[in-house]
Amino acid sequence: MVRIDEIESDVFCLSIFSTEAGFQYNVFLVRDEEPLLHHTGPKSLFPQFSQAVASLIDLKQLRGCRIPL
């Protein structure tokens, strides 16, 4: 389950705790005319994160994404 926290107006921290790794992965989203998604976790978590991000913005707004949406 992805936790979504708005840490500043239109700036979000999305978090997943991996029990396997014993580690929390964070993704940051800046919601703007040209949104920024900073994802540094493993690719295997992207589907969960992208579903959570889709609840905040239209994923088609993300430019330069190398993973098919």
PDB file of N, CA and C in Angstrom:
ATOM      1  N   MET A   1       0.828  -1.174   0.000  1.00  0.00           N
ATOM      2  CA  MET A   1       0.000   0.000   0.000  1.00  0.00           C
ATOM      3  C   MET A   1       0.882   1.250   0.000  1.00  0.00           C
ATOM      4  N   VAL A   2       0.530   2.193  -0.826  1.00  0.00           N
ATOM      5  CA  VAL A   2       1.294   3.431  -0.946  1.00  0.00           C
ATOM      6  C   VAL A   2       0.673   4.487  -0.030  1.00  0.00           C
ATOM      7  N   ARG A   3       1.510   5.086   0.775  1.00  0.00           N
ATOM      8  CA  ARG A   3       1.076   6.201   1.628  1.00  0.00           C
ATOM      9  C   ARG A   3       1.376   7.491   0.879  1.00  0.00           C
ATOM     10  N   ILE A   4       0.412   8.406   0.839  1.00  0.00           N
ATOM     11  CA  ILE A   4       0.581   9.684   0.159  1.00  0.00           C
ATOM     12  C   ILE A   4       0.492  10.793   1.198  1.00  0.00           C
ATOM     13  N   ASP A   5       1.550  11.607   1.264  1.00  0.00           N
ATOM     14  CA  ASP A   5       1.569  12.764   2.154  1.00  0.00           C
ATOM     15  C   ASP A   5       1.851  14.011   1.332  1.00  0.00           C
ATOM     16  N   GLU A   6       1.019  15.026   1.489  1.00  0.00           N
ATOM     17  CA  GLU A   6       1.288  16.313   0.845  1.00  0.00           C
ATOM     18  C   GLU A   6       2.191  17.085   1.807  1.00  0.00           C
ATOM     19  N   ILE A   7       3.469  17.218   1.448  1.00  0.00           N
ATOM     20  CA  ILE A   7       4.438  17.820   2.360  1.00  0.00           C
ATOM     21  C   ILE A   7       4.529  19.338   2.191  1.00  0.00           C
ATOM     22  N   GLU A   8       4.024  19.820   1.104  1.00  0.00           N
ATOM     23  CA  GLU A   8       3.929  21.249   0.795  1.00  0.00           C
ATOM     24  C   GLU A   8       2.822  21.354  -0.234  1.00  0.00           C
ATOM     25  N   SER A   9       2.335  22.533  -0.487  1.00  0.00           N
ATOM     26  CA  SER A   9       1.276  22.683  -1.465  1.00  0.00           C
ATOM     27  C   SER A   9       1.727  22.112  -2.816  1.00  0.00           C
ATOM     28  N   ASP A  10       1.030  21.086  -3.308  1.00  0.00           N
ATOM     29  CA  ASP A  10       1.298  20.412  -4.581  1.00  0.00           C
ATOM     30  C   ASP A  10       2.644  19.691  -4.640  1.00  0.00           C
ATOM     31  N   VAL A  11       3.218  19.363  -3.494  1.00  0.00           N
ATOM     32  CA  VAL A  11       4.438  18.541  -3.411  1.00  0.00           C
ATOM     33  C   VAL A  11       4.097  17.343  -2.533  1.00  0.00           C
ATOM     34  N   PHE A  12       4.253  16.155  -3.107  1.00  0.00           N
ATOM     35  CA  PHE A  12       3.828  14.935  -2.434  1.00  0.00           C
ATOM     36  C   PHE A  12       4.989  13.971  -2.236  1.00  0.00           C
ATOM     37  N   CYS A  13       4.972  13.282  -1.110  1.00  0.00           N
ATOM     38  CA  CYS A  13       5.877  12.166  -0.854  1.00  0.00           C
ATOM     39  C   CYS A  13       5.013  10.921  -0.826  1.00  0.00           C
ATOM     40  N   LEU A  14       5.318   9.977  -1.694  1.00  0.00           N
ATOM     41  CA  LEU A  14       4.608   8.702  -1.747  1.00  0.00           C
ATOM     42  C   LEU A  14       5.563   7.639  -1.225  1.00  0.00           C
ATOM     43  N   SER A  15       5.119   6.822  -0.295  1.00  0.00           N
ATOM     44  CA  SER A  15       6.002   5.874   0.376  1.00  0.00           C
ATOM     45  C   SER A  15       5.440   4.462   0.367  1.00  0.00           C
ATOM     46  N   ILE A  16       6.350   3.522   0.217  1.00  0.00           N
ATOM     47  CA  ILE A  16       6.034   2.094   0.369  1.00  0.00           C
ATOM     48  C   ILE A  16       7.100   1.502   1.282  1.00  0.00           C
ATOM     49  N   PHE A  17       6.662   0.773   2.307  1.00  0.00           N
ATOM     50  CA  PHE A  17       7.608   0.051   3.147  1.00  0.00           C
ATOM     51  C   PHE A  17       7.703  -1.372   2.627  1.00  0.00           C
ATOM     52  N   SER A  18       8.914  -1.781   2.283  1.00  0.00           N
ATOM     53  CA  SER A  18       9.154  -3.140   1.797  1.00  0.00           C
ATOM     54  C   SER A  18       9.547  -4.020   2.976  1.00  0.00           C
ATOM     55  N   THR A  19       8.670  -4.962   3.317  1.00  0.00           N
ATOM     56  CA  THR A  19       8.994  -5.866   4.420  1.00  0.00           C
ATOM     57  C   THR A  19      10.134  -6.800   4.037  1.00  0.00           C
ATOM     58  N   GLU A  20      10.245  -7.125   2.746  1.00  0.00           N
ATOM     59  CA  GLU A  20      11.330  -8.000   2.281  1.00  0.00           C
ATOM     60  C   GLU A  20      12.686  -7.342   2.499  1.00  0.00           C
ATOM     61  N   ALA A  21      12.783  -6.068   2.139  1.00  0.00           N
ATOM     62  CA  ALA A  21      14.051  -5.357   2.248  1.00  0.00           C
ATOM     63  C   ALA A  21      14.220  -4.688   3.609  1.00  0.00           C
ATOM     64  N   GLY A  22      13.102  -4.533   4.338  1.00  0.00           N
ATOM     65  CA  GLY A  22      13.162  -3.819   5.605  1.00  0.00           C
ATOM     66  C   GLY A  22      13.498  -2.355   5.392  1.00  0.00           C
ATOM     67  N   PHE A  23      12.967  -1.806   4.297  1.00  0.00           N
ATOM     68  CA  PHE A  23      13.349  -0.471   3.857  1.00  0.00           C
ATOM     69  C   PHE A  23      12.131   0.256   3.309  1.00  0.00           C
ATOM     70  N   GLN A  24      12.091   1.561   3.504  1.00  0.00           N
ATOM     71  CA  GLN A  24      11.008   2.366   2.947  1.00  0.00           C
ATOM     72  C   GLN A  24      11.500   3.077   1.691  1.00  0.00           C
ATOM     73  N   TYR A  25      10.720   2.957   0.617  1.00  0.00           N
ATOM     74  CA  TYR A  25      11.025   3.638  -0.638  1.00  0.00           C
ATOM     75  C   TYR A  25      10.112   4.852  -0.771  1.00  0.00           C
ATOM     76  N   ASN A  26      10.692   5.972  -1.185  1.00  0.00           N
ATOM     77  CA  ASN A  26       9.932   7.198  -1.358  1.00  0.00           C
ATOM     78  C   ASN A  26      10.010   7.675  -2.801  1.00  0.00           C
ATOM     79  N   VAL A  27       8.916   8.219  -3.260  1.00  0.00           N
ATOM     80  CA  VAL A  27       8.814   8.849  -4.574  1.00  0.00           C
ATOM     81  C   VAL A  27       8.269  10.243  -4.308  1.00  0.00           C
ATOM     82  N   PHE A  28       8.775  11.218  -5.044  1.00  0.00           N
ATOM     83  CA  PHE A  28       8.313  12.586  -4.858  1.00  0.00           C
ATOM     84  C   PHE A  28       7.654  13.083  -6.133  1.00  0.00           C
ATOM     85  N   LEU A  29       6.513  13.724  -5.967  1.00  0.00           N
ATOM     86  CA  LEU A  29       5.762  14.285  -7.078  1.00  0.00           C
ATOM     87  C   LEU A  29       5.552  15.764  -6.831  1.00  0.00           C
ATOM     88  N   VAL A  30       5.897  16.573  -7.840  1.00  0.00           N
ATOM     89  CA  VAL A  30       5.584  17.993  -7.822  1.00  0.00           C
ATOM     90  C   VAL A  30       4.492  18.184  -8.865  1.00  0.00           C
ATOM     91  N   ARG A  31       3.319  18.549  -8.402  1.00  0.00           N
ATOM     92  CA  ARG A  31       2.176  18.744  -9.294  1.00  0.00           C
ATOM     93  C   ARG A  31       2.208  20.193  -9.785  1.00  0.00           C
ATOM     94  N   ASP A  32       2.383  20.348 -11.110  1.00  0.00           N
ATOM     95  CA  ASP A  32       2.540  21.665 -11.721  1.00  0.00           C
ATOM     96  C   ASP A  32       2.093  21.549 -13.173  1.00  0.00           C
ATOM     97  N   GLU A  33       2.255  22.629 -13.939  1.00  0.00           N
ATOM     98  CA  GLU A  33       1.923  22.570 -15.371  1.00  0.00           C
ATOM     99  C   GLU A  33       2.753  21.483 -16.058  1.00  0.00           C
ATOM    100  N   GLU A  34       3.997  21.344 -15.642  1.00  0.00           N
ATOM    101  CA  GLU A  34       4.870  20.266 -16.116  1.00  0.00           C
ATOM    102  C   GLU A  34       5.312  19.474 -14.889  1.00  0.00           C
ATOM    103  N   PRO A  35       4.527  18.476 -14.482  1.00  0.00           N
ATOM    104  CA  PRO A  35       4.801  17.745 -13.248  1.00  0.00           C
ATOM    105  C   PRO A  35       6.169  17.055 -13.269  1.00  0.00           C
ATOM    106  N   LEU A  36       6.710  16.882 -12.069  1.00  0.00           N
ATOM    107  CA  LEU A  36       7.983  16.188 -11.889  1.00  0.00           C
ATOM    108  C   LEU A  36       7.741  14.991 -10.982  1.00  0.00           C
ATOM    109  N   LEU A  37       8.180  13.824 -11.414  1.00  0.00           N
ATOM    110  CA  LEU A  37       8.115  12.620 -10.595  1.00  0.00           C
ATOM    111  C   LEU A  37       9.538  12.131 -10.398  1.00  0.00           C
ATOM    112  N   HIS A  38       9.967  12.092  -9.149  1.00  0.00           N
ATOM    113  CA  HIS A  38      11.322  11.624  -8.826  1.00  0.00           C
ATOM    114  C   HIS A  38      11.186  10.248  -8.201  1.00  0.00           C
ATOM    115  N   HIS A  39      11.512   9.215  -8.976  1.00  0.00           N
ATOM    116  CA  HIS A  39      11.374   7.815  -8.554  1.00  0.00           C
ATOM    117  C   HIS A  39      12.753   7.178  -8.596  1.00  0.00           C
ATOM    118  N   THR A  40      13.253   6.764  -7.445  1.00  0.00           N
ATOM    119  CA  THR A  40      14.585   6.157  -7.402  1.00  0.00           C
ATOM    120  C   THR A  40      14.547   4.721  -6.887  1.00  0.00           C
ATOM    121  N   GLY A  41      13.352   4.206  -6.670  1.00  0.00           N
ATOM    122  CA  GLY A  41      13.217   2.844  -6.152  1.00  0.00           C
ATOM    123  C   GLY A  41      13.340   1.810  -7.253  1.00  0.00           C
ATOM    124  N   PRO A  42      13.179   0.552  -6.905  1.00  0.00           N
ATOM    125  CA  PRO A  42      13.255  -0.520  -7.904  1.00  0.00           C
ATOM    126  C   PRO A  42      12.077  -0.446  -8.887  1.00  0.00           C
ATOM    127  N   LYS A  43      12.343  -0.856 -10.119  1.00  0.00           N
ATOM    128  CA  LYS A  43      11.303  -0.840 -11.157  1.00  0.00           C
ATOM    129  C   LYS A  43      10.104  -1.686 -10.762  1.00  0.00           C
ATOM    130  N   SER A  44      10.324  -2.692  -9.956  1.00  0.00           N
ATOM    131  CA  SER A  44       9.218  -3.573  -9.568  1.00  0.00           C
ATOM    132  C   SER A  44       8.142  -2.841  -8.754  1.00  0.00           C
ATOM    133  N   LEU A  45       8.484  -1.716  -8.137  1.00  0.00           N
ATOM    134  CA  LEU A  45       7.507  -0.952  -7.357  1.00  0.00           C
ATOM    135  C   LEU A  45       6.778   0.096  -8.195  1.00  0.00           C
ATOM    136  N   PHE A  46       7.239   0.329  -9.426  1.00  0.00           N
ATOM    137  CA  PHE A  46       6.645   1.378 -10.247  1.00  0.00           C
ATOM    138  C   PHE A  46       5.147   1.187 -10.478  1.00  0.00           C
ATOM    139  N   PRO A  47       4.657  -0.029 -10.733  1.00  0.00           N
ATOM    140  CA  PRO A  47       3.205  -0.172 -10.928  1.00  0.00           C
ATOM    141  C   PRO A  47       2.386   0.312  -9.730  1.00  0.00           C
ATOM    142  N   GLN A  48       2.848   0.025  -8.524  1.00  0.00           N
ATOM    143  CA  GLN A  48       2.127   0.482  -7.334  1.00  0.00           C
ATOM    144  C   GLN A  48       2.207   2.005  -7.203  1.00  0.00           C
ATOM    145  N   PHE A  49       3.418   2.541  -7.417  1.00  0.00           N
ATOM    146  CA  PHE A  49       3.585   3.984  -7.325  1.00  0.00           C
ATOM    147  C   PHE A  49       2.793   4.701  -8.417  1.00  0.00           C
ATOM    148  N   SER A  50       2.811   4.177  -9.636  1.00  0.00           N
ATOM    149  CA  SER A  50       2.117   4.871 -10.731  1.00  0.00           C
ATOM    150  C   SER A  50       0.610   4.900 -10.498  1.00  0.00           C
ATOM    151  N   GLN A  51       0.069   3.856  -9.890  1.00  0.00           N
ATOM    152  CA  GLN A  51      -1.359   3.848  -9.571  1.00  0.00           C
ATOM    153  C   GLN A  51      -1.674   4.944  -8.552  1.00  0.00           C
ATOM    154  N   ALA A  52      -0.818   5.112  -7.571  1.00  0.00           N
ATOM    155  CA  ALA A  52      -1.013   6.165  -6.568  1.00  0.00           C
ATOM    156  C   ALA A  52      -0.839   7.547  -7.190  1.00  0.00           C
ATOM    157  N   VAL A  53       0.160   7.700  -8.049  1.00  0.00           N
ATOM    158  CA  VAL A  53       0.388   8.981  -8.726  1.00  0.00           C
ATOM    159  C   VAL A  53      -0.810   9.323  -9.599  1.00  0.00           C
ATOM    160  N   ALA A  54      -1.400   8.319 -10.229  1.00  0.00           N
ATOM    161  CA  ALA A  54      -2.566   8.538 -11.097  1.00  0.00           C
ATOM    162  C   ALA A  54      -3.760   9.085 -10.314  1.00  0.00           C
ATOM    163  N   SER A  55      -3.773   8.890  -9.008  1.00  0.00           N
ATOM    164  CA  SER A  55      -4.849   9.462  -8.201  1.00  0.00           C
ATOM    165  C   SER A  55      -4.629  10.963  -7.968  1.00  0.00           C
ATOM    166  N   LEU A  56      -3.425  11.448  -8.309  1.00  0.00           N
ATOM    167  CA  LEU A  56      -3.090  12.863  -8.101  1.00  0.00           C
ATOM    168  C   LEU A  56      -2.995  13.660  -9.396  1.00  0.00           C
ATOM    169  N   ILE A  57      -2.540  13.006 -10.478  1.00  0.00           N
ATOM    170  CA  ILE A  57      -2.414  13.672 -11.779  1.00  0.00           C
ATOM    171  C   ILE A  57      -2.701  12.657 -12.886  1.00  0.00           C
ATOM    172  N   ASP A  58      -2.891  13.158 -14.074  1.00  0.00           N
ATOM    173  CA  ASP A  58      -3.001  12.298 -15.250  1.00  0.00           C
ATOM    174  C   ASP A  58      -1.582  11.876 -15.634  1.00  0.00           C
ATOM    175  N   LEU A  59      -1.316  10.579 -15.661  1.00  0.00           N
ATOM    176  CA  LEU A  59       0.039  10.093 -15.945  1.00  0.00           C
ATOM    177  C   LEU A  59       0.565  10.549 -17.300  1.00  0.00           C
ATOM    178  N   LYS A  60      -0.323  10.859 -18.226  1.00  0.00           N
ATOM    179  CA  LYS A  60       0.115  11.314 -19.547  1.00  0.00           C
ATOM    180  C   LYS A  60       0.788  12.678 -19.483  1.00  0.00           C
ATOM    181  N   GLN A  61       0.640  13.376 -18.350  1.00  0.00           N
ATOM    182  CA  GLN A  61       1.303  14.668 -18.178  1.00  0.00           C
ATOM    183  C   GLN A  61       2.800  14.508 -17.943  1.00  0.00           C
ATOM    184  N   LEU A  62       3.218  13.328 -17.525  1.00  0.00           N
ATOM    185  CA  LEU A  62       4.640  13.103 -17.245  1.00  0.00           C
ATOM    186  C   LEU A  62       5.404  12.969 -18.553  1.00  0.00           C
ATOM    187  N   ARG A  63       6.411  13.797 -18.708  1.00  0.00           N
ATOM    188  CA  ARG A  63       7.239  13.750 -19.918  1.00  0.00           C
ATOM    189  C   ARG A  63       8.549  13.062 -19.608  1.00  0.00           C
ATOM    190  N   GLY A  64       9.118  12.435 -20.590  1.00  0.00           N
ATOM    191  CA  GLY A  64      10.419  11.794 -20.413  1.00  0.00           C
ATOM    192  C   GLY A  64      10.368  10.490 -19.665  1.00  0.00           C
ATOM    193  N   CYS A  65       9.184   9.935 -19.474  1.00  0.00           N
ATOM    194  CA  CYS A  65       9.046   8.665 -18.773  1.00  0.00           C
ATOM    195  C   CYS A  65       9.569   7.534 -19.664  1.00  0.00           C
ATOM    196  N   ARG A  66      10.442   6.715 -19.112  1.00  0.00           N
ATOM    197  CA  ARG A  66      11.032   5.631 -19.897  1.00  0.00           C
ATOM    198  C   ARG A  66      10.308   4.310 -19.709  1.00  0.00           C
ATOM    199  N   ILE A  67       9.351   4.289 -18.817  1.00  0.00           N
ATOM    200  CA  ILE A  67       8.579   3.062 -18.589  1.00  0.00           C
ATOM    201  C   ILE A  67       7.208   3.281 -19.205  1.00  0.00           C
ATOM    202  N   PRO A  68       6.753   2.379 -20.063  1.00  0.00           N
ATOM    203  CA  PRO A  68       5.436   2.568 -20.709  1.00  0.00           C
ATOM    204  C   PRO A  68       4.337   2.686 -19.667  1.00  0.00           C
ATOM    205  N   LEU A  69       3.442   3.633 -19.875  1.00  0.00           N
ATOM    206  CA  LEU A  69       2.336   3.830 -18.944  1.00  0.00           C
ATOM    207  C   LEU A  69       1.104   3.120 -19.433  1.00  0.00           C
TER     208      LEU A  69
END
